Amino acid sequence: MISEVYVPREKIYDFMDDLSEAIKPELDII
């Protein structure tokens, strides 16, 4: 299956959401 070769888009979006949540507090400080 091709789906096993690349990371599903949903997982990428979830990762981006987690990343943005981690960055937000630092952006608020600035």
N, C-alpha and C. Protein backbone atom coordinates (compact mmCIF):
# COMPACT_ATOMS: atom_id res chain seq x y z
N MET A 1 0.83 -1.21 0.00
CA MET A 1 0.00 0.00 0.00
C MET A 1 0.87 1.26 0.00
N ILE A 2 0.47 2.22 -0.80
CA ILE A 2 1.23 3.48 -0.88
C ILE A 2 1.12 4.23 0.45
N SER A 3 -0.01 4.08 1.13
CA SER A 3 -0.23 4.83 2.38
C SER A 3 0.83 4.48 3.43
N GLU A 4 1.46 3.31 3.28
CA GLU A 4 2.47 2.92 4.27
C GLU A 4 3.82 3.59 3.97
N VAL A 5 3.96 4.13 2.78
CA VAL A 5 5.25 4.72 2.38
C VAL A 5 5.39 6.14 2.91
N TYR A 6 4.34 6.93 2.81
CA TYR A 6 4.43 8.32 3.25
C TYR A 6 3.55 8.56 4.47
N VAL A 7 3.82 9.62 5.20
CA VAL A 7 3.03 9.94 6.39
C VAL A 7 1.70 10.55 5.97
N PRO A 8 0.60 10.03 6.50
CA PRO A 8 -0.72 10.58 6.16
C PRO A 8 -0.79 12.07 6.44
N ARG A 9 -1.55 12.76 5.62
CA ARG A 9 -1.68 14.21 5.78
C ARG A 9 -2.21 14.57 7.16
N GLU A 10 -3.12 13.76 7.68
CA GLU A 10 -3.70 14.05 9.00
C GLU A 10 -2.62 14.11 10.06
N LYS A 11 -1.66 13.18 9.99
CA LYS A 11 -0.59 13.17 11.00
C LYS A 11 0.29 14.40 10.85
N ILE A 12 0.51 14.83 9.62
CA ILE A 12 1.33 16.03 9.39
C ILE A 12 0.63 17.24 9.97
N TYR A 13 -0.69 17.35 9.74
CA TYR A 13 -1.44 18.49 10.26
C TYR A 13 -1.44 18.47 11.78
N ASP A 14 -1.59 17.27 12.37
CA ASP A 14 -1.56 17.16 13.83
C ASP A 14 -0.21 17.62 14.36
N PHE A 15 0.86 17.24 13.67
CA PHE A 15 2.21 17.64 14.08
C PHE A 15 2.36 19.16 13.98
N MET A 16 1.85 19.75 12.91
CA MET A 16 1.93 21.20 12.73
C MET A 16 1.15 21.91 13.82
N ASP A 17 -0.01 21.35 14.19
CA ASP A 17 -0.82 21.95 15.26
C ASP A 17 -0.05 21.92 16.58
N ASP A 18 0.56 20.78 16.88
CA ASP A 18 1.35 20.67 18.12
C ASP A 18 2.51 21.65 18.09
N LEU A 19 3.14 21.78 16.93
CA LEU A 19 4.28 22.67 16.80
C LEU A 19 3.85 24.12 17.01
N SER A 20 2.73 24.51 16.40
CA SER A 20 2.25 25.89 16.53
C SER A 20 1.85 26.18 17.97
N GLU A 21 1.27 25.19 18.65
CA GLU A 21 0.88 25.37 20.05
C GLU A 21 2.12 25.58 20.92
N ALA A 22 3.21 24.90 20.57
CA ALA A 22 4.45 25.03 21.34
C ALA A 22 5.12 26.37 21.08
N ILE A 23 4.92 26.91 19.88
CA ILE A 23 5.56 28.17 19.51
C ILE A 23 4.77 29.39 19.99
N LYS A 24 3.46 29.26 20.08
CA LYS A 24 2.61 30.40 20.45
C LYS A 24 3.05 31.15 21.70
N PRO A 25 3.31 30.46 22.81
CA PRO A 25 3.74 31.17 24.04
C PRO A 25 4.98 32.02 23.81
N GLU A 26 5.93 31.52 23.03
CA GLU A 26 7.16 32.28 22.77
C GLU A 26 6.85 33.50 21.90
N LEU A 27 5.90 33.37 20.99
CA LEU A 27 5.53 34.50 20.14
C LEU A 27 4.82 35.56 20.98
N ASP A 28 4.04 35.11 21.97
CA ASP A 28 3.32 36.06 22.83
C ASP A 28 4.32 36.88 23.65
N ILE A 29 5.43 36.26 24.04
CA ILE A 29 6.44 36.98 24.83
C ILE A 29 7.04 38.10 23.98
N ILE A 30 7.27 37.81 22.73
CA ILE A 30 7.85 38.82 21.83
C ILE A 30 6.79 39.88 21.54
